């Protein structure tokens, strides 16, 4: 069956972030993990302040990962990791280079709408299908030979505009491309 994800933005767009909502067996496993943390860490401890919570959390991590056998396997997780380490391979793609690919459309105003945020595109890309590459800290949009999103963005009134895109859009709409700044 596999894992199915529902993708949505987290936060207000300035912080970035993506929330992956699990479904099926993965959702059950996640629920069980949350229940384990609640019952074996939070419900059985009291915290005097934030530093005390952090110290108890470090101690608990050490205990569950290096001392206590897992209920499912009966093996201490640190020993299991050492046992499986020779079979693990390094990732071919670094996490900061990994992007979700989302099909989008460049609208008549030269913007791509995704999850309530508008991203500007060059005026020549109007009405073209595009692909939005959603990275952890940035967005890149490709529509045919036109690309946007690798330049720094300015956030204003709910829209992300690539530097200089507003002037190019006004020039294209007015029919005077030579006045683009």
Foldseek 3Di string as FASTA:
>chain_A
DDWDWDWAWPDQPQQTDIDTDTDDPVNVVVVVVVVCCCVPPVVVDDAPDPVRSVVSVVVVCCCQQPPAADPVPRHRNVVVCVVCVVVDDDDPDDQQRAWDKDKWFQACLQWTDDNQATEHWQNVRHGFIWIWTRHRNWIWIDGPPTIDIPADWDDDPRYTYHPQRVQRSVCVVVVHNVRRD
